[in-house]
């Protein structure tokens, strides 16, 4: 138990350092932009009428306090971290005076639901079929599936998304091509609304899965192909152990370790797939919100989304990192 506690403390320290450095980089980058949110808000507020200098100055002081831009750069930096620790990123410039945290909380479930489901499904199916293809190497169906996935693997997922949008949205219009749910959906009907959300997510999920399953398939097939030549597998086959049991307990179990590490990295990059996918399908998630914030020069919202992404990515990697010694006993927790 003590070695694992030591391992845990090291990983938690590493997690804290990564989060701290990442958020600081995001802070420096966003505050290096030439956009002054206070002056931009004042310009938008006074564009359609004259305002007294006293009222403008009062507005400037109030907005500086809201955006955490009062005092010296060091005081602004400390104010920023005080806000981060309580989840307060100030008001959004593009949706003033709505808080940034409120906008993120509205969009985050859509992105996490879409990308988490597609990533886990892709990982599970890719490893399952890849393991079967590596063990049953003469199976024609699995070999044909390998050829198809190998062909799709180098294709960018947004190209697959556009193709699916054209096929299932225009040539054979059987699925919705935009939005996370129907505009007229009754949100009080939980079952009906959930079904509507699932139907709207089919195309985005399939586009991400079609482009990503090949990597998992080929990786697991390669690992299994190497493991089946090991002496303990050959001995089990000669001893008359059922092939299904050999595949589950001797082959797949030993091959899954590196794939779990790959899953951690994939979950760590989960927000990378949000931007283009959500733009193609008009999905109301973090990616669409980030693009809107960049176009509007809303650096408070950009900083808030970046901070949440850093925390989410680091937390997922930490969880997989902590579970890995429990999954694979060959890894020492030290």
Protein backbone atom coordinates (compact mmCIF):
# COMPACT_ATOMS: atom_id res chain seq x y z
CA UNK A 1 0.00 0.00 0.00
CA UNK A 2 2.84 2.38 0.85
CA UNK A 3 4.42 2.20 -2.65
CA UNK A 4 1.05 3.11 -4.18
CA UNK A 5 0.65 6.09 -1.82
CA UNK A 6 4.09 7.31 -2.91
CA UNK A 7 3.06 6.83 -6.53
CA UNK A 8 -0.20 8.72 -5.84
CA UNK A 9 1.58 11.68 -4.24
CA UNK A 10 4.00 11.98 -7.17
CA UNK A 11 1.18 11.93 -9.71
CA UNK A 12 -0.86 14.50 -7.77
CA UNK A 13 2.16 16.81 -7.63
CA UNK A 14 2.69 16.33 -11.35
CA UNK A 15 -1.00 17.08 -11.94
CA UNK A 16 -0.79 20.32 -9.93
CA UNK A 17 2.30 21.48 -11.82
CA UNK A 18 0.77 20.74 -15.23
CA UNK A 19 -2.46 22.57 -14.38
CA UNK A 20 -0.62 25.56 -12.91
CA UNK A 21 1.74 25.94 -15.88
CA UNK A 22 -1.01 25.39 -18.45
CA UNK A 23 -3.36 27.97 -16.94
CA UNK A 24 -0.52 30.49 -16.64
CA UNK A 25 0.33 30.06 -20.33
CA UNK A 26 -3.34 30.58 -21.23
CA UNK A 27 -3.43 33.71 -19.04
CA UNK A 28 -0.32 35.21 -20.67
CA UNK A 29 -1.52 34.46 -24.21
CA UNK A 30 -5.02 35.88 -23.72
CA UNK A 31 -3.76 39.00 -21.93
CA UNK A 32 -1.21 39.63 -24.68
CA UNK A 33 -3.95 40.33 -27.22
CA UNK A 34 -4.47 43.98 -28.25
CA UNK A 35 -8.19 43.79 -27.36
CA UNK A 36 -9.24 45.84 -24.34
CA UNK A 37 -12.54 44.36 -23.18
CA UNK A 38 -13.41 47.42 -21.10
CA UNK A 39 -13.03 49.91 -23.96
CA UNK A 40 -14.71 47.53 -26.40
CA UNK A 41 -17.74 47.21 -24.11
CA UNK A 42 -17.91 50.98 -23.62
CA UNK A 43 -17.72 51.53 -27.37
CA UNK A 44 -20.57 49.09 -27.95
CA UNK A 45 -22.65 50.70 -25.19
CA UNK A 46 -22.17 54.28 -26.44
CA UNK A 47 -22.37 53.56 -30.17
CA UNK A 48 -26.04 54.56 -30.48
CA UNK A 49 -26.16 57.65 -28.30
CA UNK A 50 -24.15 60.26 -26.42
CA UNK A 51 -23.08 59.57 -22.85
CA UNK A 52 -21.64 61.97 -20.34
CA UNK A 53 -17.91 61.67 -19.52
CA UNK A 54 -18.80 61.02 -15.85
CA UNK A 55 -21.04 58.10 -16.79
CA UNK A 56 -18.36 56.68 -19.10
CA UNK A 57 -15.74 56.92 -16.35
CA UNK A 58 -18.08 55.23 -13.87
CA UNK A 59 -18.74 52.51 -16.45
CA UNK A 60 -15.00 52.09 -17.02
CA UNK A 61 -14.33 51.61 -13.30
CA UNK A 62 -17.19 49.13 -12.93
CA UNK A 63 -16.14 47.11 -15.97
CA UNK A 64 -12.48 47.08 -14.86
CA UNK A 65 -13.60 45.56 -11.58
CA UNK A 66 -15.85 43.04 -13.34
CA UNK A 67 -13.08 41.94 -15.73
CA UNK A 68 -10.43 41.87 -12.99
CA UNK A 69 -8.33 44.55 -14.71
CA UNK A 70 -7.88 46.90 -11.76
CA UNK A 71 -4.44 47.64 -10.34
CA UNK A 72 -0.97 46.57 -11.46
CA UNK A 73 -0.32 43.49 -13.63
CA UNK A 74 0.65 41.56 -10.48
CA UNK A 75 -2.61 42.52 -8.76
CA UNK A 76 -4.55 41.52 -11.88
CA UNK A 77 -2.74 38.17 -11.88
CA UNK A 78 -3.57 37.50 -8.23
CA UNK A 79 -7.18 38.56 -8.86
CA UNK A 80 -7.34 36.10 -11.75
CA UNK A 81 -6.23 33.17 -9.59
CA UNK A 82 -8.70 34.16 -6.87
CA UNK A 83 -11.44 33.97 -9.48
CA UNK A 84 -10.19 30.66 -10.90
CA UNK A 85 -10.20 29.01 -7.48
CA UNK A 86 -13.92 29.77 -7.10
CA UNK A 87 -14.81 29.18 -10.75
CA UNK A 88 -15.51 32.84 -11.52
CA UNK A 89 -14.12 34.11 -14.85
CA UNK A 90 -16.13 37.31 -14.88
CA UNK A 91 -18.77 38.36 -17.40
CA UNK A 92 -18.65 37.44 -21.06
CA UNK A 93 -17.84 40.28 -23.43
CA UNK A 94 -19.89 38.86 -26.30
CA UNK A 95 -22.89 37.97 -24.10
CA UNK A 96 -22.56 40.70 -21.47
CA UNK A 97 -23.47 40.53 -18.59
CA UNK A 98 -23.88 36.73 -18.64
CA UNK A 99 -21.07 35.10 -16.60
CA UNK A 100 -18.49 33.07 -18.49
CA UNK A 101 -19.01 30.12 -16.14
CA UNK A 102 -22.72 30.01 -17.02
CA UNK A 103 -22.00 29.89 -20.76
CA UNK A 104 -19.45 27.11 -20.26
CA UNK A 105 -21.82 25.07 -18.09
CA UNK A 106 -24.44 25.26 -20.82
CA UNK A 107 -22.09 24.01 -23.53
CA UNK A 108 -19.88 21.56 -21.61
CA UNK A 109 -22.37 18.65 -21.27
CA UNK A 110 -22.90 18.59 -25.05
CA UNK A 111 -19.18 18.31 -25.81
CA UNK A 112 -18.37 15.84 -23.04
CA UNK A 113 -21.34 13.65 -23.96
CA UNK A 114 -20.51 13.64 -27.67
CA UNK A 115 -16.77 13.13 -27.47
CA UNK A 116 -16.68 10.83 -24.45
CA UNK A 117 -19.21 8.44 -26.01
CA UNK A 118 -17.49 8.45 -29.42
CA UNK A 119 -14.03 7.99 -27.89
CA UNK A 120 -15.02 5.10 -25.61
CA UNK A 121 -17.05 3.34 -28.32
CA UNK A 122 -14.19 3.71 -30.81
CA UNK A 123 -11.67 2.39 -28.28
CA UNK A 124 -13.83 -0.59 -27.28
CA UNK A 125 -14.81 -1.67 -30.80
CA UNK A 126 -11.36 -1.02 -32.27
CA UNK A 127 -9.61 -3.12 -29.61
CA UNK A 128 -12.22 -5.89 -29.67
CA UNK A 129 -12.15 -6.30 -33.44
CA UNK A 130 -8.38 -5.77 -33.58
CA UNK A 131 -7.83 -8.49 -30.98
CA UNK A 132 -10.07 -10.88 -32.89
CA UNK A 133 -8.30 -10.06 -36.17
CA UNK A 134 -4.88 -10.65 -34.59
CA UNK A 135 -5.88 -14.02 -33.15
CA UNK A 136 -8.11 -15.33 -35.94
CA UNK A 137 -5.81 -14.20 -38.74
CA UNK A 138 -7.52 -16.24 -41.46
CA UNK A 139 -10.97 -14.76 -40.91
CA UNK A 140 -11.96 -13.04 -44.18
CA UNK A 141 -14.50 -10.66 -42.64
CA UNK A 142 -11.97 -9.33 -40.12
CA UNK A 143 -9.31 -9.02 -42.80
CA UNK A 144 -11.71 -7.03 -45.00
CA UNK A 145 -12.61 -4.81 -42.05
CA UNK A 146 -8.89 -4.21 -41.49
CA UNK A 147 -8.45 -3.07 -45.10
CA UNK A 148 -11.37 -0.63 -44.78
CA UNK A 149 -10.21 0.85 -41.46
CA UNK A 150 -6.63 1.16 -42.70
CA UNK A 151 -7.95 3.14 -45.67
CA UNK A 152 -10.05 5.43 -43.49
CA UNK A 153 -7.41 5.98 -40.81
CA UNK A 154 -5.31 8.61 -42.66
CA UNK A 155 -8.43 10.59 -43.70
CA UNK A 156 -9.04 13.62 -41.45
CA UNK A 157 -12.22 13.18 -39.40
CA UNK A 158 -13.71 16.44 -40.68
CA UNK A 159 -13.52 15.10 -44.25
CA UNK A 160 -15.44 12.02 -43.08
CA UNK A 161 -17.89 14.38 -41.35
CA UNK A 162 -18.51 16.34 -44.56
CA UNK A 163 -19.03 13.13 -46.55
CA UNK A 164 -21.53 11.80 -44.00
CA UNK A 165 -23.29 15.15 -43.93
CA UNK A 166 -23.72 15.07 -47.72
CA UNK A 167 -24.80 11.43 -47.83
CA UNK A 168 -27.19 11.29 -44.88
CA UNK A 169 -28.29 14.91 -44.96
CA UNK A 170 -28.87 15.50 -48.68
CA UNK A 171 -28.51 12.39 -50.85
CA UNK A 172 -30.32 10.13 -48.36
CA UNK A 173 -31.81 12.52 -45.78
CA UNK A 174 -32.66 10.20 -42.91
CA UNK A 175 -30.72 11.92 -40.10
CA UNK A 176 -30.62 15.51 -38.79
CA UNK A 177 -27.49 17.38 -39.87
CA UNK A 178 -27.45 20.35 -37.49
CA UNK A 179 -27.93 21.16 -33.84
CA UNK A 180 -27.95 19.09 -30.67
CA UNK A 181 -31.74 18.73 -30.56
CA UNK A 182 -34.84 19.89 -32.41
CA UNK A 183 -35.84 23.51 -31.89
CA UNK A 184 -39.38 22.48 -30.91
CA UNK A 185 -38.24 19.65 -28.60
CA UNK A 186 -40.15 19.46 -25.31
CA UNK A 187 -37.44 19.40 -22.63
CA UNK A 188 -39.94 18.45 -19.95
CA UNK A 189 -40.41 15.11 -21.72
CA UNK A 190 -37.17 13.51 -20.51
CA UNK A 191 -37.37 10.33 -22.58
CA UNK A 192 -38.48 12.09 -25.77
CA UNK A 193 -35.83 14.80 -25.42
CA UNK A 194 -33.08 12.24 -24.70
CA UNK A 195 -34.08 10.27 -27.81
CA UNK A 196 -34.01 13.47 -29.86
CA UNK A 197 -30.51 14.27 -28.57
CA UNK A 198 -29.29 10.77 -29.43
CA UNK A 199 -30.67 11.01 -32.99
CA UNK A 200 -28.96 14.39 -33.50
CA UNK A 201 -25.66 12.97 -32.22
CA UNK A 202 -25.55 9.95 -34.55
CA UNK A 203 -23.76 11.66 -37.45
CA UNK A 204 -21.13 13.46 -35.32
CA UNK A 205 -20.41 10.25 -33.38
CA UNK A 206 -20.19 8.11 -36.53
CA UNK A 207 -17.83 10.58 -38.23
CA UNK A 208 -15.46 10.54 -35.24
CA UNK A 209 -15.66 6.74 -34.94
CA UNK A 210 -15.09 6.08 -38.65
CA UNK A 211 -11.91 8.15 -38.63
CA UNK A 212 -10.59 6.89 -35.28
CA UNK A 213 -11.36 3.18 -35.12
CA UNK A 214 -8.57 2.24 -37.55
CA UNK A 215 -5.80 3.32 -35.19
CA UNK A 216 -7.10 1.19 -32.31
CA UNK A 217 -7.82 -1.75 -34.65
CA UNK A 218 -4.35 -1.82 -36.17
CA UNK A 219 -2.62 -1.23 -32.84
CA UNK A 220 -4.40 -4.09 -31.08
CA UNK A 221 -4.04 -6.42 -34.07
CA UNK A 222 -0.29 -5.82 -34.06
CA UNK A 223 0.01 -6.40 -30.30
CA UNK A 224 -2.03 -9.60 -30.42
CA UNK A 225 -0.11 -10.90 -33.45
CA UNK A 226 3.10 -10.64 -31.41
CA UNK A 227 1.63 -12.16 -28.25
CA UNK A 228 0.18 -15.27 -29.97
CA UNK A 229 3.74 -16.38 -30.78
CA UNK A 230 4.74 -16.39 -27.09
CA UNK A 231 5.54 -19.73 -25.45
CA UNK A 232 2.78 -19.54 -22.84
CA UNK A 233 0.14 -19.12 -25.58
CA UNK A 234 1.56 -22.03 -27.58
CA UNK A 235 1.64 -24.19 -24.43
CA UNK A 236 -1.99 -23.31 -23.62
CA UNK A 237 -3.05 -24.29 -27.13
CA UNK A 238 -1.17 -27.59 -26.90
CA UNK A 239 -2.73 -28.24 -23.50
CA UNK A 240 -6.18 -28.07 -25.07
CA UNK A 241 -7.35 -24.82 -23.49
CA UNK A 242 -10.34 -23.40 -25.38
CA UNK A 243 -9.35 -20.72 -27.91
CA UNK A 244 -11.90 -18.28 -26.53
CA UNK A 245 -10.38 -18.59 -23.05
CA UNK A 246 -6.85 -18.18 -24.45
CA UNK A 247 -7.92 -15.05 -26.28
CA UNK A 248 -9.58 -13.50 -23.22
CA UNK A 249 -7.20 -14.47 -20.43
CA UNK A 250 -3.82 -14.92 -22.10
CA UNK A 251 -3.80 -12.66 -25.14
CA UNK A 252 -6.18 -9.71 -24.76
CA UNK A 253 -5.35 -9.18 -21.10
CA UNK A 254 -1.64 -8.84 -21.86
CA UNK A 255 -2.21 -6.69 -24.93
CA UNK A 256 -4.64 -4.19 -23.39
CA UNK A 257 -2.07 -2.34 -21.26
CA UNK A 258 -0.58 -0.12 -23.99
CA UNK A 259 -4.09 0.53 -25.32
CA UNK A 260 -5.18 1.83 -21.92
CA UNK A 261 -2.27 4.27 -22.04
CA UNK A 262 -3.41 5.28 -25.51
CA UNK A 263 -6.92 5.81 -24.17
CA UNK A 264 -5.55 8.16 -21.52
CA UNK A 265 -3.83 10.22 -24.19
CA UNK A 266 -6.96 10.15 -26.35
CA UNK A 267 -9.15 11.30 -23.46
CA UNK A 268 -6.57 13.96 -22.76
CA UNK A 269 -7.06 15.29 -26.27
CA UNK A 270 -10.84 14.94 -26.15
CA UNK A 271 -11.48 18.66 -26.65
CA UNK A 272 -9.38 18.71 -29.82
CA UNK A 273 -12.15 17.00 -31.75
CA UNK A 274 -14.80 19.42 -30.59
CA UNK A 275 -14.03 22.48 -32.67
CA UNK A 276 -14.32 21.27 -36.27
CA UNK A 277 -16.90 18.54 -35.58
CA UNK A 278 -19.22 20.96 -33.80
CA UNK A 279 -18.76 23.53 -36.55
CA UNK A 280 -19.61 21.02 -39.29
CA UNK A 281 -22.76 19.79 -37.56
CA UNK A 282 -23.71 23.02 -35.76
CA UNK A 283 -23.42 21.24 -32.42
CA UNK A 284 -23.96 23.52 -29.36
CA UNK A 285 -20.82 22.54 -27.46
CA UNK A 286 -17.53 23.98 -26.26
CA UNK A 287 -16.02 24.04 -29.76
CA UNK A 288 -18.76 26.24 -31.20
CA UNK A 289 -18.62 28.47 -28.12
CA UNK A 290 -14.84 28.87 -28.46
CA UNK A 291 -15.06 29.83 -32.14
CA UNK A 292 -17.73 32.44 -31.34
CA UNK A 293 -15.60 33.82 -28.49
CA UNK A 294 -12.52 34.13 -30.73
CA UNK A 295 -14.49 35.92 -33.47
CA UNK A 296 -15.99 38.31 -30.91
CA UNK A 297 -12.64 38.98 -29.21
CA UNK A 298 -14.13 37.72 -25.93
CA UNK A 299 -10.88 36.81 -24.21
CA UNK A 300 -12.59 36.23 -20.85
CA UNK A 301 -14.62 33.44 -22.42
CA UNK A 302 -11.58 32.11 -24.32
CA UNK A 303 -9.59 32.03 -21.08
CA UNK A 304 -12.44 30.33 -19.23
CA UNK A 305 -12.84 27.61 -21.88
CA UNK A 306 -9.07 27.07 -22.03
CA UNK A 307 -8.84 26.76 -18.25
CA UNK A 308 -11.70 24.26 -18.07
CA UNK A 309 -10.14 22.26 -20.93
CA UNK A 310 -6.77 22.13 -19.14
CA UNK A 311 -8.44 20.94 -15.92
CA UNK A 312 -10.52 18.34 -17.75
CA UNK A 313 -7.61 16.99 -19.78
CA UNK A 314 -5.26 16.82 -16.79
CA UNK A 315 -7.88 15.16 -14.58
CA UNK A 316 -8.66 12.43 -17.13
CA UNK A 317 -4.97 11.67 -17.64
CA UNK A 318 -4.44 11.59 -13.86
CA UNK A 319 -7.31 9.12 -13.34
CA UNK A 320 -6.01 6.74 -16.00
CA UNK A 321 -2.48 7.13 -14.61
CA UNK A 322 -3.67 6.16 -11.13
CA UNK A 323 -5.69 3.19 -12.39
CA UNK A 324 -2.93 1.82 -14.63
CA UNK A 325 -0.93 0.02 -11.87
CA UNK A 326 -4.19 -1.63 -10.76
CA UNK A 327 -5.03 -2.74 -14.32
CA UNK A 328 -1.59 -4.07 -15.23
CA UNK A 329 0.20 -5.79 -12.30
CA UNK A 330 3.47 -5.72 -14.23
CA UNK A 331 3.64 -1.95 -13.68
CA UNK A 332 5.18 -1.02 -10.37
CA UNK A 333 3.43 1.76 -8.46
CA UNK A 334 6.57 3.53 -7.35
